[in-house]
């Protein structure tokens, strides 16, 4: 699992701090190792009535991501994050 400090971009409002994002994904192999982060180039897309929807791609050996998100009851925003300590 990897945890990221996140920011949202609302257009005219610039980048604003948002809640941390934890990523834990696994299938037959380790997509995100239990003690690691997604590999560079990994794209994660989600859609949920409670968590909204979005799509992010990981860069710099999984230490950061960039993409878009739309949370429940809100409009779409730019979304980015950096790996915590």
N, C-alpha and C. Protein backbone atom coordinates (compact mmCIF):
# COMPACT_ATOMS: atom_id res chain seq x y z
N UNK A 1 0.84 -1.17 0.00
CA UNK A 1 0.00 0.00 0.00
C UNK A 1 0.89 1.23 0.00
N UNK A 2 0.45 2.24 -0.71
CA UNK A 2 1.17 3.51 -0.75
C UNK A 2 0.20 4.64 -0.42
N UNK A 3 0.66 5.62 0.34
CA UNK A 3 -0.18 6.76 0.71
C UNK A 3 0.43 8.04 0.14
N UNK A 4 -0.45 8.87 -0.43
CA UNK A 4 -0.03 10.11 -1.10
C UNK A 4 -0.72 11.31 -0.49
N UNK A 5 0.04 12.40 -0.31
CA UNK A 5 -0.55 13.69 -0.01
C UNK A 5 -1.11 14.22 -1.31
N UNK A 6 -2.33 14.72 -1.31
CA UNK A 6 -2.98 15.10 -2.56
C UNK A 6 -3.36 16.57 -2.60
N UNK A 7 -3.56 17.04 -3.83
CA UNK A 7 -4.04 18.40 -4.08
C UNK A 7 -5.06 18.33 -5.21
N UNK A 8 -6.03 19.26 -5.16
CA UNK A 8 -6.99 19.40 -6.25
C UNK A 8 -6.82 20.78 -6.87
N UNK A 9 -7.14 20.88 -8.14
CA UNK A 9 -7.07 22.15 -8.87
C UNK A 9 -8.46 22.46 -9.41
N UNK A 10 -9.00 23.58 -8.96
CA UNK A 10 -10.38 23.93 -9.30
C UNK A 10 -10.48 24.98 -10.40
N UNK A 11 -9.47 25.11 -11.20
CA UNK A 11 -9.49 26.13 -12.26
C UNK A 11 -8.91 27.43 -11.75
N UNK A 12 -9.77 28.41 -11.48
CA UNK A 12 -9.30 29.72 -11.01
C UNK A 12 -8.76 29.73 -9.60
N UNK A 13 -9.01 28.67 -8.83
CA UNK A 13 -8.60 28.64 -7.43
C UNK A 13 -7.20 28.14 -7.18
N UNK A 14 -6.50 27.67 -8.21
CA UNK A 14 -5.16 27.12 -8.01
C UNK A 14 -5.20 25.79 -7.30
N UNK A 15 -4.02 25.28 -6.92
CA UNK A 15 -3.92 23.98 -6.24
C UNK A 15 -4.23 24.16 -4.76
N UNK A 16 -5.04 23.24 -4.22
CA UNK A 16 -5.44 23.27 -2.82
C UNK A 16 -5.24 21.90 -2.21
N UNK A 17 -4.77 21.87 -0.96
CA UNK A 17 -4.54 20.60 -0.28
C UNK A 17 -5.85 19.84 -0.15
N UNK A 18 -5.79 18.51 -0.32
CA UNK A 18 -6.95 17.64 -0.18
C UNK A 18 -6.59 16.51 0.78
N UNK A 19 -7.49 15.58 0.97
CA UNK A 19 -7.26 14.46 1.88
C UNK A 19 -6.25 13.46 1.30
N UNK A 20 -5.49 12.75 2.13
CA UNK A 20 -4.55 11.74 1.64
C UNK A 20 -5.27 10.64 0.87
N UNK A 21 -4.57 10.03 -0.07
CA UNK A 21 -5.08 8.90 -0.85
C UNK A 21 -4.19 7.70 -0.59
N UNK A 22 -4.80 6.57 -0.20
CA UNK A 22 -4.07 5.31 -0.04
C UNK A 22 -4.42 4.40 -1.19
N UNK A 23 -3.39 3.79 -1.80
CA UNK A 23 -3.58 2.92 -2.96
C UNK A 23 -3.14 1.51 -2.59
N UNK A 24 -4.07 0.57 -2.70
CA UNK A 24 -3.78 -0.83 -2.45
C UNK A 24 -4.53 -1.64 -3.49
N UNK A 25 -3.81 -2.22 -4.45
CA UNK A 25 -4.42 -2.95 -5.54
C UNK A 25 -3.65 -4.26 -5.73
N UNK A 26 -4.39 -5.35 -5.88
CA UNK A 26 -3.71 -6.60 -6.18
C UNK A 26 -4.62 -7.48 -7.02
N UNK A 27 -3.99 -8.31 -7.84
CA UNK A 27 -4.69 -9.31 -8.62
C UNK A 27 -3.90 -10.59 -8.47
N UNK A 28 -3.64 -11.29 -9.54
CA UNK A 28 -2.85 -12.52 -9.45
C UNK A 28 -1.40 -12.23 -9.08
N UNK A 29 -0.93 -11.05 -9.47
CA UNK A 29 0.41 -10.61 -9.10
C UNK A 29 0.30 -9.34 -8.28
N UNK A 30 1.40 -8.87 -7.79
CA UNK A 30 1.39 -7.64 -7.00
C UNK A 30 1.40 -6.43 -7.92
N UNK A 31 0.26 -5.79 -8.09
CA UNK A 31 0.19 -4.54 -8.85
C UNK A 31 0.79 -3.43 -8.00
N UNK A 32 0.35 -3.35 -6.76
CA UNK A 32 0.94 -2.46 -5.77
C UNK A 32 1.37 -3.35 -4.61
N UNK A 33 2.67 -3.59 -4.46
CA UNK A 33 3.11 -4.47 -3.37
C UNK A 33 2.62 -3.96 -2.02
N UNK A 34 2.44 -4.86 -1.08
CA UNK A 34 1.95 -4.49 0.24
C UNK A 34 2.77 -3.42 0.92
N UNK A 35 4.05 -3.34 0.61
CA UNK A 35 4.92 -2.35 1.22
C UNK A 35 5.53 -1.41 0.17
N UNK A 36 4.85 -1.23 -0.97
CA UNK A 36 5.44 -0.43 -2.03
C UNK A 36 4.46 0.53 -2.67
N UNK A 37 4.78 0.92 -3.89
CA UNK A 37 3.98 1.89 -4.63
C UNK A 37 3.80 1.39 -6.06
N UNK A 38 2.84 1.97 -6.79
CA UNK A 38 2.62 1.55 -8.18
C UNK A 38 3.85 1.84 -9.04
N UNK A 39 4.08 1.02 -10.03
CA UNK A 39 5.19 1.24 -10.96
C UNK A 39 4.90 2.45 -11.83
N UNK A 40 5.96 3.11 -12.27
CA UNK A 40 5.82 4.25 -13.17
C UNK A 40 5.01 3.84 -14.40
N UNK A 41 4.07 4.70 -14.79
CA UNK A 41 3.23 4.42 -15.95
C UNK A 41 1.93 3.71 -15.61
N UNK A 42 1.80 3.22 -14.37
CA UNK A 42 0.55 2.58 -13.95
C UNK A 42 -0.57 3.62 -13.94
N UNK A 43 -1.71 3.27 -14.52
CA UNK A 43 -2.88 4.14 -14.49
C UNK A 43 -3.97 3.46 -13.69
N UNK A 44 -4.56 4.21 -12.76
CA UNK A 44 -5.65 3.71 -11.93
C UNK A 44 -6.89 4.55 -12.24
N UNK A 45 -8.00 3.88 -12.54
CA UNK A 45 -9.26 4.54 -12.81
C UNK A 45 -10.30 3.97 -11.85
N UNK A 46 -11.14 4.85 -11.29
CA UNK A 46 -12.17 4.37 -10.37
C UNK A 46 -13.50 5.06 -10.66
N UNK A 47 -14.57 4.40 -10.22
CA UNK A 47 -15.92 4.94 -10.33
C UNK A 47 -16.74 4.34 -9.20
N UNK A 48 -17.33 5.21 -8.38
CA UNK A 48 -18.07 4.75 -7.22
C UNK A 48 -19.13 5.78 -6.83
N UNK A 49 -20.31 5.35 -6.44
CA UNK A 49 -21.33 6.31 -6.01
C UNK A 49 -20.87 7.14 -4.81
N UNK A 50 -20.05 6.57 -3.94
CA UNK A 50 -19.60 7.29 -2.75
C UNK A 50 -18.27 8.00 -2.92
N UNK A 51 -17.37 7.43 -3.71
CA UNK A 51 -16.02 7.99 -3.86
C UNK A 51 -15.85 8.79 -5.15
N UNK A 52 -16.93 8.95 -5.92
CA UNK A 52 -16.82 9.68 -7.18
C UNK A 52 -16.08 8.87 -8.23
N UNK A 53 -15.43 9.57 -9.14
CA UNK A 53 -14.67 8.88 -10.19
C UNK A 53 -13.43 9.67 -10.53
N UNK A 54 -12.49 8.98 -11.16
CA UNK A 54 -11.26 9.65 -11.53
C UNK A 54 -10.31 8.71 -12.25
N UNK A 55 -9.20 9.29 -12.66
CA UNK A 55 -8.16 8.53 -13.34
C UNK A 55 -6.83 9.22 -13.08
N UNK A 56 -5.85 8.47 -12.58
CA UNK A 56 -4.53 9.03 -12.32
C UNK A 56 -3.46 8.11 -12.90
N UNK A 57 -2.34 8.70 -13.28
CA UNK A 57 -1.18 7.96 -13.78
C UNK A 57 0.01 8.29 -12.88
N UNK A 58 0.80 7.26 -12.57
CA UNK A 58 1.94 7.41 -11.66
C UNK A 58 3.23 7.66 -12.44
N UNK A 59 4.08 8.54 -11.88
CA UNK A 59 5.34 8.94 -12.50
C UNK A 59 6.47 8.84 -11.48
N UNK A 60 7.70 9.06 -11.96
CA UNK A 60 8.90 9.12 -11.09
C UNK A 60 8.97 7.92 -10.14
N UNK A 61 8.95 6.72 -10.73
CA UNK A 61 9.04 5.48 -9.96
C UNK A 61 7.92 5.36 -8.93
N UNK A 62 6.73 5.90 -9.28
CA UNK A 62 5.56 5.78 -8.40
C UNK A 62 5.53 6.75 -7.25
N UNK A 63 6.43 7.75 -7.24
CA UNK A 63 6.46 8.69 -6.12
C UNK A 63 5.46 9.83 -6.27
N UNK A 64 4.85 9.98 -7.46
CA UNK A 64 3.84 11.01 -7.65
C UNK A 64 2.85 10.57 -8.71
N UNK A 65 1.67 11.21 -8.70
CA UNK A 65 0.67 10.93 -9.72
C UNK A 65 0.02 12.22 -10.17
N UNK A 66 -0.58 12.18 -11.35
CA UNK A 66 -1.34 13.30 -11.90
C UNK A 66 -2.56 12.73 -12.60
N UNK A 67 -3.66 13.47 -12.57
CA UNK A 67 -4.86 13.04 -13.26
C UNK A 67 -6.03 13.96 -12.97
N UNK A 68 -7.22 13.39 -13.01
CA UNK A 68 -8.45 14.14 -12.75
C UNK A 68 -9.34 13.33 -11.82
N UNK A 69 -10.22 14.03 -11.13
CA UNK A 69 -11.18 13.37 -10.25
C UNK A 69 -12.45 14.18 -10.20
N UNK A 70 -13.54 13.52 -9.89
CA UNK A 70 -14.81 14.19 -9.64
C UNK A 70 -15.44 13.48 -8.46
N UNK A 71 -15.47 14.17 -7.33
CA UNK A 71 -15.98 13.58 -6.11
C UNK A 71 -17.48 13.80 -6.01
N UNK A 72 -18.13 12.97 -5.23
CA UNK A 72 -19.58 13.00 -5.09
C UNK A 72 -20.09 14.41 -4.79
N UNK A 73 -21.02 14.88 -5.62
CA UNK A 73 -21.63 16.20 -5.43
C UNK A 73 -20.77 17.37 -5.85
N UNK A 74 -19.63 17.12 -6.51
CA UNK A 74 -18.72 18.19 -6.91
C UNK A 74 -18.43 18.09 -8.40
N UNK A 75 -17.87 19.15 -8.96
CA UNK A 75 -17.47 19.15 -10.36
C UNK A 75 -16.09 18.52 -10.53
N UNK A 76 -15.66 18.28 -11.77
CA UNK A 76 -14.35 17.68 -12.03
C UNK A 76 -13.21 18.64 -11.66
N UNK A 77 -12.11 18.06 -11.21
CA UNK A 77 -10.93 18.84 -10.80
C UNK A 77 -9.66 18.14 -11.27
N UNK A 78 -8.59 18.92 -11.39
CA UNK A 78 -7.27 18.32 -11.55
C UNK A 78 -6.90 17.67 -10.22
N UNK A 79 -6.15 16.59 -10.26
CA UNK A 79 -5.84 15.83 -9.05
C UNK A 79 -4.40 15.35 -9.15
N UNK A 80 -3.60 15.63 -8.13
CA UNK A 80 -2.20 15.19 -8.13
C UNK A 80 -1.79 14.84 -6.72
N UNK A 81 -0.73 14.06 -6.61
CA UNK A 81 -0.28 13.66 -5.29
C UNK A 81 1.19 13.28 -5.28
N UNK A 82 1.78 13.35 -4.09
CA UNK A 82 3.17 12.94 -3.88
C UNK A 82 3.21 11.94 -2.72
N UNK A 83 4.07 10.95 -2.86
CA UNK A 83 4.21 9.90 -1.87
C UNK A 83 4.57 10.49 -0.51
N UNK A 84 3.92 10.01 0.54
CA UNK A 84 4.27 10.49 1.89
C UNK A 84 5.55 9.81 2.34
N UNK A 85 6.25 10.47 3.27
CA UNK A 85 7.51 10.02 3.85
C UNK A 85 7.86 8.67 3.57
